[in-house]
Every structure is written in C-alpha cells, then in structure tokens.
Amino acid sequence: MSYERIIASLNPQMRGGDNDRVGMLRRVLAKLNHPERQYRIIHIAGTNGKGSTGSLIVNFLRAANLKVGYFSSPAMVDQREQIQVNGQMIARTAFVATYEKIKRQLPDDLSTADLTVFEWWTLIMLQYFADQKVDWAVIECGLGGQNDATNAIEAPELAIITHIALDHTRILGPTIKNIAQAKAGIIKPGNQAVILAPHQEPAAFQEILKKAQACQVNFLDSEKQAAIKVLDQSWSKTQLQIKTAAIDSTCSFRLLGAFQLDNLKTALTAVDWLKQTGTEITEEQIKKVLAQITIPGRLQQIGTHPLCFLDGAHNPDAASRLIQTLNQLGYPKKLVLVLGFLKDKNVAQMAQQYAQLDAQIILATPDQQKRALPAEELHQYLPDAMVIDDAWTAYQKAVALADPSGMVLVTGSFYLIKEIEARI
C-alpha cells in the first residue's frame, strides 16, 4: 500500500476518552517486543505549552549531540511532521514500512480498522524511534494523559505536566481537578521525576503533587527551580537574566510572550534534571538554543510590513495569555485579527476575550470538516466582524487593512493557522 492509501484507510474516530484503549495498545507493543524500551523517554501532558516545552527540550538535547525523536500534534502542513528524528519528519517509505511491520504483528483479535488514526501514529512513532536507534524520545500526549494512546508506554524516566486549564471538558471532565487527574495519569511508579509547570491553579497543583507522592516519584516545581527576570522585550526578542543549576547568565530568547517564560522554566528544570542524571548540556549550548529557536504556530512571525503572526491559541486560557502578550508588548493602532474556532471549544468566551481588544476582526472557517465552526455561525458572537470564509482570502484582506505600519494576528485554531502556513 502507498502512504496516501494507508492514511486514507485509517479509522478517524477519537477514542482518547475510552478506558480500554491503552491496554489494547500495550498488547500490540508486547507483540512488537516492546520497541519503546529501546530508548529513554520524556513524556509530556498538559493543556497548553506542550509543544513549546517539548520543542525547547528537543533542541537542548540535540545541541548536546544526541539523537532525538519527537512526537507532537497537530501537524501544521504535513501529517508526517508529527514524527521527527533530529528535526527530519518520517519519510513516506519509512511510514509504510513501519505500518506494514506493525500490521503483521497485530494480535489475532485485532484488525487494522480496530486502531484509530492517532493510535496508529503512536504505534508507528514508537517503532520508528526504535528502528532509528534514538537516544531520547520526547513524546507529547494527544489528549488528556491517563487514557491517551501515548500512555501505553511504561513509566518514562521523566514526566512533565505543562499548564493545566479547561479544555476537552466533554472527555476529561468539567473541572480543573478532573483535568489535572487525567493529566496526572502519565505519572507512574518507576518515573525518576515529574516536573510541573509554573502558575497552576491550586486544585491542579495539589492533584499532580498527590499523584507524584502516591507513586513515590520525585516532584519538581519549576517555579522554584528556575529564576527568570525580563530585562527587555520587543516583538523581535526578549532579553532575560536566567539563573538555574545549569545556567547563570544573560540570554536572548527568541520566543515571544509571558507564557513562553513559563514553558522555558519548565524546560530548564528538565535540563537541570538531565544534567543531574548524566546528560551534559552546557551553558553555551543552552544560550544558542534560546537565541535561535522558532516554533511554528506559537506567535510565529510570517511578515514584517505589516507585522504578521500566527498563533495556535485554541482555548480561553491560551487566548488570555496571548492577549496578555499583546498588551505587554504593545500593538500598533491598526490591529487586524483573523479568527476561526472549532465548534467543540468555548467559543463564546474566546469571542468575548478578543472583542475587548481595539482591533478589526475578520472571521474565517478552519480547515477541519467535522469540527470547524462556520464563520457565519461565529458571527453571532462577534456581530461587528467581517466574514470571509476562506482563511487565505481572510489573511490577504487583513494584510491590506492593516497597512504597512499595522499588525495582523491569525489565531483561534491550529486548523486555521496551518492553512496560512501552507501558503507562505
């Protein structure tokens, strides 16, 4: 089968909230002779910040000349971006070969259609990293933690929980406590440590701490492990004073936003832990990563006159942090937003948040056939906004409206911003 035919055949269901899926995947991994045991793993769960935290850690490990596998979602342009080794996405031929290898080893009572698309990507990732002989794998959960497909792995050496907020409440539960309990599912007896990102709700902090203690896992609060002071900030970079066990220096940091400082604290706490457990990462390597790193879809600059940014903020917590950054750094008089949401998100609250900005708003429909909220329906929440259904056309209109001295921000869903990313 070709790569395209395999992708077209995969079961599109979302089954991440079902209780029986992880055990099923563990049976498949056993038949494959446990490829996930052949490398060291850092497992990341959380509502917001997984991608940025994961990217920072991957870059720190690569700077130390290690071979690093990285599993993240969603992809921006090509689905294969989800599985990368040293920054190179899996080749179509390698994807097909790995799929066929797993297919031949499926337990007798399972067919290829019994596994969902995300479960297939997870299994292919775990096997591919073993075949590639990676030193480390940094693996992000898709949704939740306890029942996420990635939790089929045994206890990873390091578990990381990024910022916890309300999202996917239909599956994970309606409260911060419910969501924290789901994320805490990646903490297991046998972890060497769990790192918690800063600025958590008290209920989230307590749930993660309680699970770590119950599993007798070392708990590291990144708020106490890393001290970061902002010396200067602009729309091009942030100048920082950083003090941790691994680094005590002034640094230039290319990622924008106060929320990225929380992700940086979490990643630097991971660096401290890595150094303590025998992985040498130097201060100069850290500084080089911070000065050069870019992450698609996280206040990603794609234009200069006007300033144009893409950001994947897709829930009220992320929107609040994005708006905080706009207010902190200051934005031009002419700000044009292109907004589009999925219908299973808290659309009303996010619309209200963005309406408070002094901005012209254009509404578009994300490229996600089943889950996208049509721009016309979003219009009821933002009646003064302009409706241009097609994302690329909406972006072009926004650039024209902003004029060279203004700013354009496309946000609301990764499925919206990846349409722009694919065209630039």
Protein backbone atom coordinates (compact mmCIF):
# COMPACT_ATOMS: atom_id res chain seq x y z
CA MET A 1 0.00 0.00 0.00
CA SER A 2 1.10 3.55 -0.67
CA TYR A 3 1.42 6.16 2.10
CA GLU A 4 -1.61 8.01 0.73
CA ARG A 5 -3.77 4.86 0.69
CA ILE A 6 -2.78 3.97 4.25
CA ILE A 7 -3.63 7.48 5.51
CA ALA A 8 -6.98 7.37 3.70
CA SER A 9 -7.80 3.99 5.27
CA LEU A 10 -7.11 4.92 8.91
CA ASN A 11 -10.06 4.99 11.31
CA PRO A 12 -10.75 8.72 12.03
CA GLN A 13 -12.55 8.18 15.36
CA MET A 14 -11.40 9.95 18.52
CA ARG A 15 -11.34 7.30 21.25
CA GLY A 16 -8.99 9.03 23.71
CA GLY A 17 -11.65 9.11 26.43
CA ASP A 18 -12.28 5.36 26.35
CA ASN A 19 -10.90 3.33 29.22
CA ASP A 20 -9.90 0.19 27.34
CA ARG A 21 -7.65 1.59 24.61
CA VAL A 22 -4.32 1.86 26.44
CA GLY A 23 -4.39 -1.82 27.47
CA MET A 24 -5.09 -2.82 23.88
CA LEU A 25 -2.10 -0.80 22.64
CA ARG A 26 0.13 -2.39 25.28
CA ARG A 27 -0.80 -5.80 23.86
CA VAL A 28 0.33 -4.61 20.43
CA LEU A 29 3.61 -3.27 21.85
CA ALA A 30 4.21 -6.63 23.54
CA LYS A 31 3.77 -8.39 20.18
CA LEU A 32 6.33 -5.96 18.74
CA ASN A 33 8.75 -6.91 21.52
CA HIS A 34 8.42 -3.51 23.24
CA PRO A 35 10.18 -1.05 20.93
CA GLU A 36 9.55 1.70 23.50
CA ARG A 37 12.06 0.07 25.87
CA GLN A 38 14.94 0.73 23.48
CA TYR A 39 15.38 4.45 24.25
CA ARG A 40 14.92 6.93 27.10
CA ILE A 41 11.60 8.80 27.22
CA ILE A 42 10.34 12.19 28.37
CA HIS A 43 6.52 12.17 28.39
CA ILE A 44 4.63 15.50 28.32
CA ALA A 45 0.98 16.17 29.19
CA GLY A 46 -0.84 19.46 29.77
CA THR A 47 -3.49 21.74 28.33
CA ASN A 48 -1.25 24.49 26.96
CA GLY A 49 2.50 24.68 26.46
CA LYS A 50 3.24 21.06 25.46
CA GLY A 51 4.55 21.99 22.03
CA SER A 52 6.78 24.83 23.16
CA THR A 53 8.13 22.94 26.17
CA GLY A 54 8.73 19.84 24.06
CA SER A 55 10.46 21.82 21.31
CA LEU A 56 12.78 23.51 23.80
CA ILE A 57 13.77 20.19 25.39
CA VAL A 58 14.29 18.54 21.99
CA ASN A 59 16.55 21.41 20.94
CA PHE A 60 18.56 21.26 24.17
CA LEU A 61 19.12 17.51 23.71
CA ARG A 62 20.07 17.93 20.05
CA ALA A 63 22.50 20.71 20.99
CA ALA A 64 24.23 18.10 23.18
CA ASN A 65 24.74 15.97 20.02
CA LEU A 66 22.14 13.36 20.96
CA LYS A 67 19.81 11.61 18.51
CA VAL A 68 16.29 12.71 19.48
CA GLY A 69 12.85 11.51 18.43
CA TYR A 70 9.97 13.96 18.81
CA PHE A 71 6.25 13.17 18.69
CA SER A 72 3.87 16.13 18.68
CA SER A 73 0.49 17.13 17.30
CA PRO A 74 -1.25 18.60 15.48
CA ALA A 75 0.89 18.92 12.36
CA MET A 76 0.99 22.30 10.65
CA VAL A 77 1.30 21.37 6.95
CA ASP A 78 2.22 17.68 6.53
CA GLN A 79 0.90 14.96 8.88
CA ARG A 80 4.36 13.39 8.93
CA GLU A 81 5.61 16.39 10.97
CA GLN A 82 4.18 14.56 13.99
CA ILE A 83 7.06 12.03 13.91
CA GLN A 84 10.53 13.57 13.69
CA VAL A 85 14.07 12.40 14.34
CA ASN A 86 16.63 15.21 14.70
CA GLY A 87 14.23 17.62 13.02
CA GLN A 88 13.53 15.41 9.99
CA MET A 89 10.00 14.09 9.59
CA ILE A 90 9.44 10.42 8.86
CA ALA A 91 9.76 9.56 5.16
CA ARG A 92 6.71 8.15 3.38
CA THR A 93 8.61 4.92 2.66
CA ALA A 94 9.59 4.55 6.33
CA PHE A 95 5.99 5.21 7.41
CA VAL A 96 4.72 2.48 5.04
CA ALA A 97 7.40 0.00 6.12
CA THR A 98 6.71 0.62 9.81
CA TYR A 99 2.95 0.34 9.29
CA GLU A 100 3.39 -3.00 7.49
CA LYS A 101 5.70 -4.29 10.23
CA ILE A 102 3.11 -3.49 12.91
CA LYS A 103 0.23 -4.81 10.82
CA ARG A 104 1.95 -8.21 10.54
CA GLN A 105 2.35 -8.38 14.33
CA LEU A 106 -1.15 -7.32 15.40
CA PRO A 107 -2.79 -9.70 17.89
CA ASP A 108 -5.14 -12.16 16.19
CA ASP A 109 -8.25 -10.49 17.59
CA LEU A 110 -7.36 -7.04 16.18
CA SER A 111 -7.66 -5.71 12.64
CA THR A 112 -6.10 -2.54 11.23
CA ALA A 113 -9.50 -0.81 11.44
CA ASP A 114 -9.74 -1.50 15.18
CA LEU A 115 -7.00 1.08 15.75
CA THR A 116 -7.79 4.79 15.36
CA VAL A 117 -5.65 7.17 13.33
CA PHE A 118 -3.93 8.62 16.43
CA GLU A 119 -3.30 5.13 17.81
CA TRP A 120 -1.64 4.18 14.53
CA TRP A 121 0.55 7.28 14.58
CA THR A 122 1.53 6.48 18.18
CA LEU A 123 2.50 2.88 17.41
CA ILE A 124 4.38 3.86 14.26
CA MET A 125 6.23 6.54 16.22
CA LEU A 126 7.30 4.14 18.98
CA GLN A 127 8.51 1.52 16.50
CA TYR A 128 10.19 4.04 14.19
CA PHE A 129 12.17 5.62 17.04
CA ALA A 130 13.45 2.13 17.96
CA ASP A 131 14.40 1.41 14.34
CA GLN A 132 16.19 4.77 14.16
CA LYS A 133 18.06 3.99 17.41
CA VAL A 134 17.29 7.35 19.03
CA ASP A 135 18.92 8.20 22.36
CA TRP A 136 15.90 10.08 23.67
CA ALA A 137 12.24 10.33 22.69
CA VAL A 138 10.21 13.38 23.68
CA ILE A 139 6.56 12.32 23.44
CA GLU A 140 3.58 14.65 23.78
CA CYS A 141 0.15 13.35 24.78
CA GLY A 142 -2.58 13.94 22.23
CA LEU A 143 -5.43 14.48 24.70
CA GLY A 144 -5.50 14.09 28.47
CA GLY A 145 -2.98 11.62 29.82
CA GLN A 146 -4.40 8.60 31.62
CA ASN A 147 -6.29 7.25 28.59
CA ASP A 148 -4.17 8.83 25.87
CA ALA A 149 -2.63 6.42 23.34
CA THR A 150 0.88 7.60 24.25
CA ASN A 151 0.32 6.34 27.81
CA ALA A 152 0.74 2.79 26.50
CA ILE A 153 4.44 3.27 27.28
CA GLU A 154 5.79 2.02 30.60
CA ALA A 155 6.94 4.55 33.18
CA PRO A 156 9.11 7.10 31.32
CA GLU A 157 12.21 8.41 33.06
CA LEU A 158 10.75 11.92 33.20
CA ALA A 159 7.11 13.05 33.17
CA ILE A 160 6.29 16.71 32.57
CA ILE A 161 2.94 18.43 33.16
CA THR A 162 2.60 21.83 31.47
CA HIS A 163 -0.08 24.43 32.20
CA ILE A 164 -3.46 22.91 33.08
CA ALA A 165 -6.68 24.70 32.09
CA LEU A 166 -10.22 23.91 30.98
CA ASP A 167 -10.30 22.22 27.56
CA HIS A 168 -11.78 18.99 26.17
CA THR A 169 -14.15 19.07 29.15
CA ARG A 170 -16.64 16.71 27.44
CA ILE A 171 -13.99 13.97 27.57
CA LEU A 172 -11.81 14.90 30.54
CA GLY A 173 -14.42 16.37 32.90
CA PRO A 174 -15.80 19.82 33.73
CA THR A 175 -13.36 20.97 36.44
CA ILE A 176 -9.66 21.77 36.75
CA LYS A 177 -9.43 18.92 39.26
CA ASN A 178 -10.87 16.44 36.73
CA ILE A 179 -8.47 17.59 34.04
CA ALA A 180 -5.47 17.51 36.39
CA GLN A 181 -6.36 13.95 37.37
CA ALA A 182 -6.40 12.94 33.69
CA LYS A 183 -3.03 14.61 33.03
CA ALA A 184 -1.57 13.06 36.20
CA GLY A 185 -2.22 9.65 34.62
CA ILE A 186 1.21 9.81 32.95
CA ILE A 187 2.86 9.74 36.40
CA LYS A 188 3.66 6.14 37.27
CA PRO A 189 5.72 4.20 39.81
CA GLY A 190 9.13 3.97 38.17
CA ASN A 191 9.33 7.59 36.95
CA GLN A 192 12.54 9.18 38.15
CA ALA A 193 10.86 12.59 38.42
CA VAL A 194 7.83 14.66 37.46
CA ILE A 195 8.16 18.35 36.59
CA LEU A 196 5.19 20.71 36.97
CA ALA A 197 5.00 23.99 35.02
CA PRO A 198 4.55 27.29 36.94
CA HIS A 199 1.35 29.20 37.69
CA GLN A 200 -1.06 26.33 38.19
CA GLU A 201 -4.49 26.54 39.77
CA PRO A 202 -4.29 25.26 43.37
CA ALA A 203 -6.52 22.29 42.54
CA ALA A 204 -4.22 21.29 39.66
CA PHE A 205 -1.07 21.67 41.76
CA GLN A 206 -2.49 19.51 44.54
CA GLU A 207 -3.64 16.73 42.19
CA ILE A 208 -0.24 16.46 40.50
CA LEU A 209 1.62 16.57 43.83
CA LYS A 210 -0.74 13.94 45.31
CA LYS A 211 -0.20 11.56 42.36
CA ALA A 212 3.57 12.02 42.49
CA GLN A 213 3.61 11.23 46.21
CA ALA A 214 1.34 8.20 45.74
CA CYS A 215 3.73 6.84 43.08
CA GLN A 216 6.79 7.80 45.14
CA VAL A 217 8.10 9.96 42.32
CA ASN A 218 10.38 12.97 42.89
CA PHE A 219 8.27 16.15 42.40
CA LEU A 220 9.97 19.21 40.87
CA ASP A 221 8.11 22.54 40.93
CA SER A 222 9.67 24.53 38.08
CA GLU A 223 8.56 27.80 39.67
CA LYS A 224 11.10 27.12 42.43
CA GLN A 225 13.77 25.53 40.23
CA ALA A 226 14.33 28.32 37.70
CA ALA A 227 14.56 32.11 38.20
CA ILE A 228 13.96 34.28 35.12
CA LYS A 229 13.96 38.08 35.01
CA VAL A 230 12.91 40.06 31.92
CA LEU A 231 15.47 42.77 31.15
CA ASP A 232 13.99 43.98 27.86
CA GLN A 233 11.32 42.79 25.43
CA SER A 234 10.11 43.64 21.94
CA TRP A 235 8.29 41.99 19.05
CA SER A 236 11.60 40.52 17.85
CA LYS A 237 13.09 39.03 21.03
CA THR A 238 13.23 39.08 24.83
CA GLN A 239 16.38 39.74 26.87
CA LEU A 240 16.49 37.61 30.02
CA GLN A 241 18.52 37.06 33.15
CA ILE A 242 18.37 33.33 33.91
CA LYS A 243 19.56 31.51 37.00
CA THR A 244 19.25 27.74 37.39
CA ALA A 245 21.61 24.94 38.38
CA ALA A 246 22.63 24.66 34.69
CA ILE A 247 22.91 28.33 33.70
CA ASP A 248 23.52 31.72 35.33
CA SER A 249 23.66 34.27 32.53
CA THR A 250 22.02 36.98 30.45
CA CYS A 251 20.38 35.46 27.36
CA SER A 252 18.47 36.49 24.27
CA PHE A 253 15.23 34.48 23.90
CA ARG A 254 13.55 34.39 20.51
CA LEU A 255 10.13 33.09 21.60
CA LEU A 256 7.61 35.81 22.46
CA GLY A 257 5.08 36.02 25.27
CA ALA A 258 4.92 35.74 29.05
CA PHE A 259 3.55 32.19 28.64
CA GLN A 260 6.79 31.20 26.93
CA LEU A 261 8.71 32.18 30.06
CA ASP A 262 6.69 29.57 31.97
CA ASN A 263 7.48 26.99 29.27
CA LEU A 264 11.15 27.98 29.46
CA LYS A 265 11.21 27.50 33.25
CA THR A 266 9.74 24.03 32.77
CA ALA A 267 12.27 23.12 30.06
CA LEU A 268 15.22 24.48 32.08
CA THR A 269 14.09 22.41 35.06
CA ALA A 270 14.25 19.40 32.71
CA VAL A 271 17.79 20.44 31.72
CA ASP A 272 18.80 20.53 35.40
CA TRP A 273 17.37 17.04 35.87
CA LEU A 274 19.11 15.79 32.71
CA LYS A 275 22.46 17.13 33.92
CA GLN A 276 21.97 15.52 37.33
CA THR A 277 21.26 12.18 35.66
CA GLY A 278 24.29 12.22 33.39
CA THR A 279 23.33 14.15 30.24
CA GLU A 280 25.77 17.01 29.77
CA ILE A 281 24.25 20.19 28.34
CA THR A 282 26.48 23.29 28.58
CA GLU A 283 25.54 26.90 29.28
CA GLU A 284 26.71 27.89 25.79
CA GLN A 285 24.53 25.21 24.20
CA ILE A 286 21.51 26.48 26.18
CA LYS A 287 22.15 30.11 25.15
CA LYS A 288 22.49 29.18 21.49
CA VAL A 289 19.16 27.30 21.53
CA LEU A 290 17.34 30.20 23.20
CA ALA A 291 18.68 32.75 20.70
CA GLN A 292 17.78 30.69 17.63
CA ILE A 293 14.64 28.68 18.40
CA THR A 294 11.46 29.19 16.42
CA ILE A 295 8.28 27.13 16.78
CA PRO A 296 5.60 27.03 14.08
CA GLY A 297 2.27 28.40 15.23
CA ARG A 298 3.45 29.93 18.51
CA LEU A 299 3.47 33.69 17.87
CA GLN A 300 5.23 32.76 14.65
CA GLN A 301 6.18 35.85 12.67
CA ILE A 302 5.42 35.48 8.95
CA GLY A 303 5.54 39.12 7.81
CA THR A 304 7.15 42.45 8.70
CA HIS A 305 5.20 45.30 6.98
CA PRO A 306 2.67 44.84 8.48
CA LEU A 307 3.89 42.64 11.32
CA CYS A 308 2.07 39.31 10.80
CA PHE A 309 1.83 36.49 13.33
CA LEU A 310 0.25 33.04 13.55
CA ASP A 311 -0.71 31.64 16.94
CA GLY A 312 -2.49 28.38 17.72
CA ALA A 313 -4.24 29.58 20.92
CA HIS A 314 -7.44 27.50 20.89
CA ASN A 315 -8.96 27.72 24.37
CA PRO A 316 -9.76 30.60 26.77
CA ASP A 317 -6.61 30.12 28.84
CA ALA A 318 -4.34 30.31 25.79
CA ALA A 319 -6.34 33.25 24.40
CA SER A 320 -5.95 35.09 27.70
CA ARG A 321 -2.19 34.57 27.64
CA LEU A 322 -1.98 35.71 24.01
CA ILE A 323 -3.94 38.89 24.79
CA GLN A 324 -1.70 39.48 27.81
CA THR A 325 1.32 39.38 25.48
CA LEU A 326 -0.32 41.83 23.05
CA ASN A 327 -0.95 44.25 25.90
CA GLN A 328 2.52 43.80 27.40
CA LEU A 329 4.46 44.32 24.17
CA GLY A 330 2.04 46.89 22.81
CA TYR A 331 0.41 46.69 19.41
CA PRO A 332 0.02 49.22 16.58
CA LYS A 333 -3.05 51.39 16.22
CA LYS A 334 -4.15 49.24 13.30
CA LEU A 335 -4.52 45.66 14.60
CA VAL A 336 -6.45 43.17 12.45
CA LEU A 337 -7.40 39.76 13.83
CA VAL A 338 -8.34 36.74 11.72
CA LEU A 339 -10.28 34.38 14.00
CA GLY A 340 -11.63 30.88 13.47
CA PHE A 341 -12.60 28.22 16.01
CA LEU A 342 -13.63 24.59 16.26
CA LYS A 343 -17.21 24.19 17.45
CA ASP A 344 -16.26 21.94 20.40
CA LYS A 345 -14.30 24.80 22.02
CA ASN A 346 -15.53 27.52 24.39
CA VAL A 347 -16.30 29.85 21.50
CA ALA A 348 -18.45 32.34 23.40
CA GLN A 349 -15.77 33.07 25.98
CA MET A 350 -12.96 33.42 23.43
CA ALA A 351 -15.06 35.72 21.24
CA GLN A 352 -15.72 37.89 24.28
CA GLN A 353 -12.00 37.99 25.09
CA TYR A 354 -10.95 39.11 21.61
CA ALA A 355 -13.82 41.63 21.36
CA GLN A 356 -12.16 43.62 24.16
CA LEU A 357 -9.11 44.35 22.01
CA ASP A 358 -9.02 47.55 19.95
CA ALA A 359 -8.93 45.60 16.71
CA GLN A 360 -10.73 44.99 13.44
CA ILE A 361 -11.84 41.34 13.27
CA ILE A 362 -12.27 39.04 10.28
CA LEU A 363 -13.91 35.65 10.79
CA ALA A 364 -12.88 32.56 8.81
CA THR A 365 -13.66 28.83 8.92
CA PRO A 366 -10.84 26.44 9.95
CA ASP A 367 -9.94 23.56 7.67
CA GLN A 368 -11.48 20.76 9.73
CA GLN A 369 -14.54 19.39 8.04
CA LYS A 370 -16.26 17.74 11.02
CA ARG A 371 -15.32 20.05 13.89
CA ALA A 372 -14.97 23.53 12.34
CA LEU A 373 -17.39 26.27 13.40
CA PRO A 374 -18.59 28.02 10.21
CA ALA A 375 -17.59 31.68 10.16
CA GLU A 376 -21.24 32.67 9.65
CA GLU A 377 -22.15 30.98 12.96
CA LEU A 378 -19.24 32.65 14.74
CA HIS A 379 -20.64 35.98 13.50
CA GLN A 380 -23.43 35.82 16.10
CA TYR A 381 -20.78 36.20 18.83
CA LEU A 382 -18.92 38.99 17.02
CA PRO A 383 -21.59 40.87 15.01
CA ASP A 384 -19.27 43.78 14.12
CA ALA A 385 -16.74 41.47 12.49
CA MET A 386 -16.29 40.86 8.77
CA VAL A 387 -16.94 37.32 7.46
CA ILE A 388 -14.58 35.85 4.86
CA ASP A 389 -14.98 32.09 4.97
CA ASP A 390 -11.69 31.13 3.28
CA ALA A 391 -8.70 31.53 5.62
CA TRP A 392 -6.15 32.57 3.00
CA THR A 393 -8.51 35.18 1.49
CA ALA A 394 -9.24 36.46 5.02
CA TYR A 395 -5.50 36.75 5.70
CA GLN A 396 -4.89 38.69 2.47
CA LYS A 397 -7.72 41.07 3.35
CA ALA A 398 -6.28 41.54 6.85
CA VAL A 399 -2.85 42.46 5.42
CA ALA A 400 -4.50 45.03 3.13
CA LEU A 401 -6.49 46.54 6.02
CA ALA A 402 -3.57 46.71 8.44
CA ASP A 403 -1.37 48.79 6.08
CA PRO A 404 2.44 48.55 6.45
CA SER A 405 2.58 50.09 9.92
CA GLY A 406 -0.05 47.80 11.45
CA MET A 407 -0.27 44.22 12.70
CA VAL A 408 -2.13 41.06 11.64
CA LEU A 409 -2.73 38.16 14.04
CA VAL A 410 -4.29 34.89 12.85
CA THR A 411 -5.47 32.73 15.76
CA GLY A 412 -8.19 30.53 17.26
CA SER A 413 -7.25 27.09 15.94
CA PHE A 414 -4.23 25.22 14.59
CA TYR A 415 -6.52 24.13 11.75
CA LEU A 416 -6.92 27.79 10.80
CA ILE A 417 -3.31 28.89 11.02
CA LYS A 418 -1.92 25.87 9.19
CA GLU A 419 -3.85 26.99 6.09
CA ILE A 420 -1.79 30.19 6.13
CA GLU A 421 1.44 28.37 7.00
CA ALA A 422 0.96 26.13 3.97
CA ARG A 423 0.72 29.13 1.60
CA ILE A 424 3.57 31.36 2.78
